[in-house]
Amino acid sequence: MSVAPAVGALVVDTRADRLGEFRGVVGPYWSLRPIGGGVEWDAEPQRVRPADPTERLHAETARVNARSRGEWL
């Protein structure tokens, strides 16, 4: 991916094999946030790809399940 995705887009950092939410550009890196919350990490843009439909479905299911337990993500 050479063009930054929209803030909130689900992407995969292939270096770390982690799904995250795009948060913005920080210098030469993209800032990603874990889906369930937590500490953001920096990823090299050339190592980030859009999440596929299965990965997006998994993330959305995790969000809905957390809300049903009264958790905020």
N, C-alpha and C. Protein backbone atom coordinates (compact mmCIF):
# COMPACT_ATOMS: atom_id res chain seq x y z
N MET A 1 0.86 -1.18 0.00
CA MET A 1 0.00 0.00 0.00
C MET A 1 0.90 1.23 0.00
N SER A 2 0.76 2.07 -0.96
CA SER A 2 1.58 3.27 -0.96
C SER A 2 0.80 4.50 -0.49
N VAL A 3 -0.50 4.48 -0.69
CA VAL A 3 -1.34 5.60 -0.26
C VAL A 3 -1.97 5.24 1.09
N ALA A 4 -1.89 6.16 2.01
CA ALA A 4 -2.44 5.89 3.34
C ALA A 4 -3.95 5.66 3.27
N PRO A 5 -4.42 4.64 4.00
CA PRO A 5 -5.86 4.38 4.02
C PRO A 5 -6.59 5.43 4.88
N ALA A 6 -7.89 5.38 4.87
CA ALA A 6 -8.68 6.28 5.71
C ALA A 6 -8.48 5.90 7.17
N VAL A 7 -8.52 6.89 8.03
CA VAL A 7 -8.42 6.64 9.47
C VAL A 7 -9.55 5.70 9.87
N GLY A 8 -9.20 4.66 10.59
CA GLY A 8 -10.18 3.67 11.02
C GLY A 8 -10.22 2.43 10.14
N ALA A 9 -9.56 2.47 8.98
CA ALA A 9 -9.54 1.31 8.09
C ALA A 9 -8.79 0.15 8.75
N LEU A 10 -9.26 -1.04 8.52
CA LEU A 10 -8.60 -2.22 9.06
C LEU A 10 -7.52 -2.67 8.09
N VAL A 11 -6.32 -2.86 8.62
CA VAL A 11 -5.17 -3.24 7.82
C VAL A 11 -4.37 -4.32 8.56
N VAL A 12 -3.48 -4.96 7.83
CA VAL A 12 -2.62 -5.98 8.41
C VAL A 12 -1.18 -5.55 8.25
N ASP A 13 -0.45 -5.55 9.36
CA ASP A 13 0.99 -5.32 9.35
C ASP A 13 1.62 -6.68 9.09
N THR A 14 2.13 -6.90 7.88
CA THR A 14 2.64 -8.22 7.51
C THR A 14 3.95 -8.54 8.24
N ARG A 15 4.69 -7.54 8.66
CA ARG A 15 5.93 -7.79 9.40
C ARG A 15 5.61 -8.45 10.73
N ALA A 16 4.61 -7.93 11.42
CA ALA A 16 4.24 -8.44 12.74
C ALA A 16 3.08 -9.43 12.67
N ASP A 17 2.49 -9.61 11.48
CA ASP A 17 1.31 -10.46 11.30
C ASP A 17 0.22 -10.08 12.30
N ARG A 18 -0.10 -8.76 12.32
CA ARG A 18 -1.10 -8.23 13.24
C ARG A 18 -2.13 -7.40 12.49
N LEU A 19 -3.38 -7.59 12.89
CA LEU A 19 -4.48 -6.80 12.35
C LEU A 19 -4.59 -5.54 13.20
N GLY A 20 -4.76 -4.41 12.57
CA GLY A 20 -4.90 -3.17 13.31
C GLY A 20 -5.77 -2.16 12.58
N GLU A 21 -6.07 -1.11 13.29
CA GLU A 21 -6.86 -0.01 12.75
C GLU A 21 -5.90 1.12 12.42
N PHE A 22 -5.97 1.62 11.21
CA PHE A 22 -5.08 2.72 10.80
C PHE A 22 -5.45 3.97 11.58
N ARG A 23 -4.45 4.62 12.20
CA ARG A 23 -4.67 5.82 13.01
C ARG A 23 -4.07 7.08 12.40
N GLY A 24 -3.06 6.94 11.56
CA GLY A 24 -2.46 8.13 10.96
C GLY A 24 -1.02 7.89 10.55
N VAL A 25 -0.41 8.94 10.02
CA VAL A 25 0.97 8.89 9.56
C VAL A 25 1.85 9.59 10.58
N VAL A 26 2.93 8.93 10.96
CA VAL A 26 3.89 9.49 11.92
C VAL A 26 5.26 9.40 11.26
N GLY A 27 5.71 10.51 10.67
CA GLY A 27 6.97 10.50 9.95
C GLY A 27 6.88 9.52 8.79
N PRO A 28 7.85 8.60 8.68
CA PRO A 28 7.82 7.63 7.58
C PRO A 28 6.96 6.40 7.90
N TYR A 29 6.36 6.35 9.06
CA TYR A 29 5.60 5.18 9.50
C TYR A 29 4.10 5.44 9.56
N TRP A 30 3.34 4.35 9.58
CA TRP A 30 1.90 4.43 9.79
C TRP A 30 1.63 3.95 11.20
N SER A 31 0.79 4.64 11.90
CA SER A 31 0.42 4.28 13.25
C SER A 31 -0.82 3.38 13.21
N LEU A 32 -0.70 2.20 13.83
CA LEU A 32 -1.80 1.23 13.87
C LEU A 32 -2.16 0.96 15.32
N ARG A 33 -3.43 0.68 15.54
CA ARG A 33 -3.93 0.42 16.89
C ARG A 33 -4.56 -0.97 16.90
N PRO A 34 -4.31 -1.76 17.93
CA PRO A 34 -4.96 -3.07 18.02
C PRO A 34 -6.48 -2.92 18.02
N ILE A 35 -7.18 -3.86 17.46
CA ILE A 35 -8.63 -3.81 17.36
C ILE A 35 -9.28 -3.75 18.73
N GLY A 36 -8.78 -4.50 19.68
CA GLY A 36 -9.36 -4.53 21.02
C GLY A 36 -8.87 -3.43 21.92
N GLY A 37 -8.17 -2.45 21.37
CA GLY A 37 -7.59 -1.39 22.18
C GLY A 37 -6.17 -1.76 22.57
N GLY A 38 -5.50 -0.84 23.14
CA GLY A 38 -4.13 -1.10 23.56
C GLY A 38 -3.17 -0.10 22.94
N VAL A 39 -1.91 -0.42 23.06
CA VAL A 39 -0.84 0.47 22.62
C VAL A 39 -0.70 0.44 21.10
N GLU A 40 -0.66 1.63 20.51
CA GLU A 40 -0.44 1.73 19.07
C GLU A 40 0.98 1.33 18.74
N TRP A 41 1.19 0.89 17.50
CA TRP A 41 2.53 0.58 17.05
C TRP A 41 2.73 1.19 15.68
N ASP A 42 4.01 1.36 15.32
CA ASP A 42 4.36 1.93 14.02
C ASP A 42 4.68 0.80 13.05
N ALA A 43 4.20 0.96 11.83
CA ALA A 43 4.43 -0.03 10.79
C ALA A 43 4.99 0.65 9.55
N GLU A 44 5.84 -0.07 8.83
CA GLU A 44 6.37 0.43 7.57
C GLU A 44 5.26 0.32 6.52
N PRO A 45 4.93 1.41 5.83
CA PRO A 45 3.82 1.39 4.87
C PRO A 45 3.91 0.29 3.82
N GLN A 46 5.12 -0.04 3.37
CA GLN A 46 5.27 -1.07 2.34
C GLN A 46 4.99 -2.47 2.89
N ARG A 47 4.86 -2.60 4.20
CA ARG A 47 4.56 -3.90 4.81
C ARG A 47 3.13 -3.98 5.34
N VAL A 48 2.29 -3.04 4.91
CA VAL A 48 0.89 -3.01 5.34
C VAL A 48 0.00 -3.30 4.14
N ARG A 49 -1.01 -4.13 4.37
CA ARG A 49 -1.98 -4.43 3.31
C ARG A 49 -3.39 -4.30 3.89
N PRO A 50 -4.38 -4.07 3.03
CA PRO A 50 -5.76 -4.01 3.53
C PRO A 50 -6.17 -5.36 4.11
N ALA A 51 -6.99 -5.32 5.13
CA ALA A 51 -7.52 -6.56 5.70
C ALA A 51 -8.48 -7.19 4.69
N ASP A 52 -8.43 -8.52 4.59
CA ASP A 52 -9.35 -9.20 3.67
C ASP A 52 -10.72 -9.35 4.34
N PRO A 53 -11.74 -9.75 3.59
CA PRO A 53 -13.09 -9.83 4.16
C PRO A 53 -13.19 -10.72 5.40
N THR A 54 -12.46 -11.82 5.42
CA THR A 54 -12.49 -12.71 6.60
C THR A 54 -11.90 -12.02 7.81
N GLU A 55 -10.80 -11.32 7.62
CA GLU A 55 -10.17 -10.60 8.73
C GLU A 55 -11.07 -9.48 9.24
N ARG A 56 -11.75 -8.78 8.33
CA ARG A 56 -12.67 -7.71 8.75
C ARG A 56 -13.85 -8.29 9.53
N LEU A 57 -14.38 -9.41 9.06
CA LEU A 57 -15.50 -10.06 9.75
C LEU A 57 -15.08 -10.50 11.15
N HIS A 58 -13.90 -11.07 11.28
CA HIS A 58 -13.39 -11.50 12.59
C HIS A 58 -13.28 -10.31 13.54
N ALA A 59 -12.75 -9.19 13.04
CA ALA A 59 -12.60 -7.99 13.88
C ALA A 59 -13.95 -7.43 14.30
N GLU A 60 -14.89 -7.40 13.38
CA GLU A 60 -16.22 -6.86 13.71
C GLU A 60 -16.93 -7.77 14.71
N THR A 61 -16.78 -9.07 14.56
CA THR A 61 -17.38 -10.01 15.51
C THR A 61 -16.78 -9.81 16.90
N ALA A 62 -15.48 -9.61 16.98
CA ALA A 62 -14.83 -9.37 18.27
C ALA A 62 -15.37 -8.09 18.91
N ARG A 63 -15.58 -7.04 18.12
CA ARG A 63 -16.13 -5.79 18.65
C ARG A 63 -17.54 -5.98 19.19
N VAL A 64 -18.39 -6.67 18.42
CA VAL A 64 -19.78 -6.89 18.84
C VAL A 64 -19.81 -7.74 20.11
N ASN A 65 -19.00 -8.77 20.17
CA ASN A 65 -18.96 -9.62 21.36
C ASN A 65 -18.51 -8.83 22.59
N ALA A 66 -17.52 -7.97 22.41
CA ALA A 66 -17.04 -7.16 23.54
C ALA A 66 -18.14 -6.22 24.02
N ARG A 67 -18.85 -5.61 23.10
CA ARG A 67 -19.96 -4.72 23.49
C ARG A 67 -21.03 -5.48 24.24
N SER A 68 -21.31 -6.71 23.81
CA SER A 68 -22.35 -7.50 24.48
C SER A 68 -21.94 -7.86 25.91
N ARG A 69 -20.65 -7.85 26.17
CA ARG A 69 -20.15 -8.11 27.54
C ARG A 69 -20.02 -6.81 28.34
N GLY A 70 -20.39 -5.70 27.72
CA GLY A 70 -20.31 -4.42 28.40
C GLY A 70 -18.95 -3.74 28.31
N GLU A 71 -18.09 -4.26 27.47
CA GLU A 71 -16.77 -3.66 27.29
C GLU A 71 -16.83 -2.58 26.22
N TRP A 72 -15.97 -1.62 26.32
CA TRP A 72 -15.86 -0.56 25.31
C TRP A 72 -14.56 -0.73 24.58
N LEU A 73 -14.63 -0.72 23.25
CA LEU A 73 -13.42 -0.82 22.44
C LEU A 73 -13.20 0.45 21.69
